[in-house]
Amino acid sequence: MPTTQPAYDKDKFKELILYIARKSEDDPKYGAAKLAKLMYFIDFEAYGALGASVTGARYHLIARGPAPKALKPVRDEMATADPPEIRIRPVPSGGARDQERVEALRDPDTSVFSNDERRLIDEVIERYKPLNGSEISAKAHEEIGVRLAAEREEIPYGTVYLSNSPWTQEEIAYAQRRMKERGWARPAA
């Protein structure tokens, strides 16, 4: 089983931002909130399915859902690089807040991703394409790691192994049997 916190890879983090931005160019619902949630789903699903996250970024809970702690400083660094790698453009959303749209100014270096990572990244982007920032945030709030975290608290990667599903009768019986075997269960009164 992988360690709880993978090593952060800033270069892959940058390339993932660029990759998502390129893949989302024709998505009118794509903005900064959606970018943050896509990165969360990609990293956490990769951790669960592939045994390692794509970027190793640390995610914390903010009011609008999980977000990588490094996103804003790395975005700012990429926007002010010489030459700039991204542009952050305000786009009217028709709602209460304008979108902050992150646009790639260069192609991502896809060689940093394994074939399995690329396949997973593409699947996550496609799955959430119909959703706007608020809708994908609501989906993220359904994740057990997000539900267990307090605001500004880090969400451990290991929470991908926790289930949101109710226990089956077989699982309850198994847990009760194991508890009894270990002397953890109280004797019936």
Protein backbone atom coordinates (compact mmCIF):
# COMPACT_ATOMS: atom_id res chain seq x y z
CA MET A 1 0.00 0.00 0.00
CA PRO A 2 1.36 3.47 -0.84
CA THR A 3 2.39 5.96 1.80
CA THR A 4 -0.23 8.45 2.94
CA GLN A 5 1.48 11.50 1.43
CA PRO A 6 3.22 11.06 -1.91
CA ALA A 7 6.16 13.25 -2.91
CA TYR A 8 5.16 16.53 -4.57
CA ASP A 9 6.32 16.93 -8.18
CA LYS A 10 6.05 20.60 -9.11
CA ASP A 11 6.93 19.97 -12.75
CA LYS A 12 4.12 17.43 -13.16
CA PHE A 13 1.82 19.81 -11.28
CA LYS A 14 2.53 22.54 -13.86
CA GLU A 15 2.11 20.16 -16.78
CA LEU A 16 -1.21 18.94 -15.35
CA ILE A 17 -2.46 22.54 -15.17
CA LEU A 18 -1.47 23.04 -18.82
CA TYR A 19 -2.95 19.69 -19.87
CA ILE A 20 -6.31 20.38 -18.21
CA ALA A 21 -6.36 23.92 -19.64
CA ARG A 22 -5.71 22.63 -23.18
CA LYS A 23 -8.30 19.85 -22.86
CA SER A 24 -10.84 22.37 -21.50
CA GLU A 25 -10.46 25.06 -24.16
CA ASP A 26 -13.89 24.24 -25.62
CA ASP A 27 -15.57 23.83 -22.20
CA PRO A 28 -17.64 26.95 -21.44
CA LYS A 29 -18.04 25.73 -17.83
CA TYR A 30 -14.29 25.58 -17.19
CA GLY A 31 -12.84 28.05 -14.71
CA ALA A 32 -10.47 28.13 -11.73
CA ALA A 33 -12.88 26.31 -9.39
CA LYS A 34 -13.34 23.50 -11.90
CA LEU A 35 -9.56 23.30 -12.46
CA ALA A 36 -8.96 22.83 -8.73
CA LYS A 37 -11.61 20.10 -8.45
CA LEU A 38 -10.38 18.30 -11.57
CA MET A 39 -6.87 18.25 -10.09
CA TYR A 40 -8.27 16.86 -6.83
CA PHE A 41 -10.21 14.09 -8.57
CA ILE A 42 -7.26 13.24 -10.81
CA ASP A 43 -4.73 13.01 -7.98
CA PHE A 44 -6.98 11.14 -5.58
CA GLU A 45 -8.37 8.72 -8.17
CA ALA A 46 -4.82 8.01 -9.39
CA TYR A 47 -3.74 7.34 -5.81
CA GLY A 48 -6.55 4.82 -5.35
CA ALA A 49 -6.41 3.18 -8.80
CA LEU A 50 -2.71 3.39 -9.68
CA GLY A 51 -1.12 3.41 -6.22
CA ALA A 52 0.31 6.93 -6.60
CA SER A 53 -1.11 10.37 -7.25
CA VAL A 54 -0.11 12.17 -10.43
CA THR A 55 1.40 15.27 -8.77
CA GLY A 56 1.69 14.50 -5.05
CA ALA A 57 0.17 17.91 -4.32
CA ARG A 58 -1.34 18.50 -0.88
CA TYR A 59 -5.05 19.34 -0.90
CA HIS A 60 -6.95 21.22 1.74
CA LEU A 61 -10.60 21.98 2.17
CA ILE A 62 -11.78 25.48 1.40
CA ALA A 63 -15.37 26.74 1.30
CA ARG A 64 -15.85 25.70 -2.34
CA GLY A 65 -14.33 22.24 -1.87
CA PRO A 66 -10.88 20.68 -2.07
CA ALA A 67 -8.06 22.63 -3.70
CA PRO A 68 -4.33 22.05 -4.08
CA LYS A 69 -2.44 24.29 -1.66
CA ALA A 70 0.13 25.03 -4.37
CA LEU A 71 -2.37 26.03 -7.07
CA LYS A 72 -2.44 29.79 -6.58
CA PRO A 73 1.33 30.31 -6.14
CA VAL A 74 2.16 27.99 -9.04
CA ARG A 75 -0.48 29.62 -11.26
CA ASP A 76 0.96 33.04 -10.42
CA GLU A 77 4.48 31.81 -11.16
CA MET A 78 3.38 30.35 -14.51
CA ALA A 79 1.50 33.54 -15.45
CA THR A 80 4.52 35.76 -14.72
CA ALA A 81 7.21 33.48 -16.19
CA ASP A 82 9.27 34.78 -19.10
CA PRO A 83 7.67 33.80 -21.42
CA PRO A 84 4.34 33.27 -19.62
CA GLU A 85 3.04 29.68 -19.62
CA ILE A 86 -0.58 30.53 -18.80
CA ARG A 87 -2.94 33.47 -18.84
CA ILE A 88 -5.63 33.95 -16.19
CA ARG A 89 -8.57 35.67 -17.80
CA PRO A 90 -11.82 36.78 -16.12
CA VAL A 91 -14.84 35.47 -18.05
CA PRO A 92 -18.45 36.47 -17.27
CA SER A 93 -20.25 33.36 -16.05
CA GLY A 94 -23.78 34.72 -15.90
CA GLY A 95 -23.79 33.98 -12.18
CA ALA A 96 -22.80 35.92 -9.09
CA ARG A 97 -19.07 35.63 -9.81
CA ASP A 98 -17.01 35.76 -12.98
CA GLN A 99 -14.91 32.72 -13.84
CA GLU A 100 -11.14 32.93 -13.62
CA ARG A 101 -10.22 30.97 -16.71
CA VAL A 102 -6.70 29.51 -16.80
CA GLU A 103 -5.56 29.33 -20.43
CA ALA A 104 -2.46 27.46 -21.61
CA LEU A 105 0.00 29.57 -23.61
CA ARG A 106 2.15 26.54 -24.45
CA ASP A 107 1.48 22.88 -25.02
CA PRO A 108 1.92 20.60 -22.00
CA ASP A 109 4.82 18.16 -21.90
CA THR A 110 2.76 14.97 -21.89
CA SER A 111 5.87 12.77 -21.62
CA VAL A 112 5.83 13.38 -17.84
CA PHE A 113 2.63 11.29 -17.56
CA SER A 114 2.51 7.52 -17.86
CA ASN A 115 -0.03 5.98 -20.25
CA ASP A 116 -2.17 4.97 -17.26
CA GLU A 117 -2.02 8.51 -15.86
CA ARG A 118 -2.99 10.03 -19.22
CA ARG A 119 -5.91 7.63 -19.56
CA LEU A 120 -7.12 8.45 -16.03
CA ILE A 121 -6.67 12.22 -16.55
CA ASP A 122 -8.67 12.09 -19.78
CA GLU A 123 -11.43 10.01 -18.13
CA VAL A 124 -11.77 12.46 -15.23
CA ILE A 125 -11.87 15.52 -17.52
CA GLU A 126 -14.50 13.87 -19.73
CA ARG A 127 -16.62 12.67 -16.78
CA TYR A 128 -16.89 16.15 -15.28
CA LYS A 129 -17.09 18.12 -18.54
CA PRO A 130 -20.88 18.67 -18.24
CA LEU A 131 -20.48 20.25 -14.77
CA ASN A 132 -19.72 23.86 -13.88
CA GLY A 133 -17.55 24.90 -10.92
CA SER A 134 -20.41 24.80 -8.40
CA GLU A 135 -21.63 21.41 -9.60
CA ILE A 136 -18.19 19.75 -9.53
CA SER A 137 -17.64 21.31 -6.10
CA ALA A 138 -20.87 19.68 -4.90
CA LYS A 139 -19.61 16.32 -6.25
CA ALA A 140 -16.31 16.79 -4.41
CA HIS A 141 -18.20 17.51 -1.17
CA GLU A 142 -19.67 13.99 -1.45
CA GLU A 143 -16.19 12.44 -1.12
CA ILE A 144 -15.57 10.98 2.33
CA GLY A 145 -12.17 12.65 2.73
CA VAL A 146 -13.74 16.03 2.00
CA ARG A 147 -16.67 15.31 4.32
CA LEU A 148 -14.31 14.42 7.17
CA ALA A 149 -12.02 17.44 6.77
CA ALA A 150 -12.49 20.74 8.57
CA GLU A 151 -12.02 23.96 6.61
CA ARG A 152 -8.34 24.63 5.81
CA GLU A 153 -7.47 21.09 6.95
CA GLU A 154 -5.41 18.84 4.69
CA ILE A 155 -7.25 15.92 3.10
CA PRO A 156 -5.15 12.74 3.44
CA TYR A 157 -4.72 10.67 0.28
CA GLY A 158 -5.47 7.54 2.30
CA THR A 159 -9.11 8.60 2.56
CA VAL A 160 -9.64 7.19 -0.96
CA TYR A 161 -9.72 3.77 0.69
CA LEU A 162 -12.67 4.72 2.91
CA SER A 163 -16.14 3.92 1.64
CA ASN A 164 -19.18 6.17 1.56
CA SER A 165 -21.41 3.12 1.15
CA PRO A 166 -23.44 1.73 4.03
CA TRP A 167 -22.11 -1.54 5.40
CA THR A 168 -23.74 -4.75 4.21
CA GLN A 169 -25.03 -7.26 6.75
CA GLU A 170 -22.10 -9.53 5.84
CA GLU A 171 -19.59 -6.74 6.56
CA ILE A 172 -21.24 -5.98 9.91
CA ALA A 173 -21.22 -9.67 10.86
CA TYR A 174 -17.55 -9.98 9.84
CA ALA A 175 -16.56 -6.90 11.88
CA GLN A 176 -18.49 -8.15 14.90
CA ARG A 177 -16.86 -11.58 14.63
CA ARG A 178 -13.36 -10.05 14.36
CA MET A 179 -14.04 -7.72 17.30
CA LYS A 180 -15.19 -10.66 19.40
CA GLU A 181 -12.10 -12.69 18.40
CA ARG A 182 -9.86 -9.84 19.55
CA GLY A 183 -11.77 -9.29 22.78
CA TRP A 184 -12.98 -5.86 21.65
CA ALA A 185 -16.68 -6.64 21.83
CA ARG A 186 -18.49 -6.28 25.11
CA PRO A 187 -20.21 -9.40 26.36
CA ALA A 188 -23.99 -9.37 26.00
CA ALA A 189 -25.77 -8.24 29.19
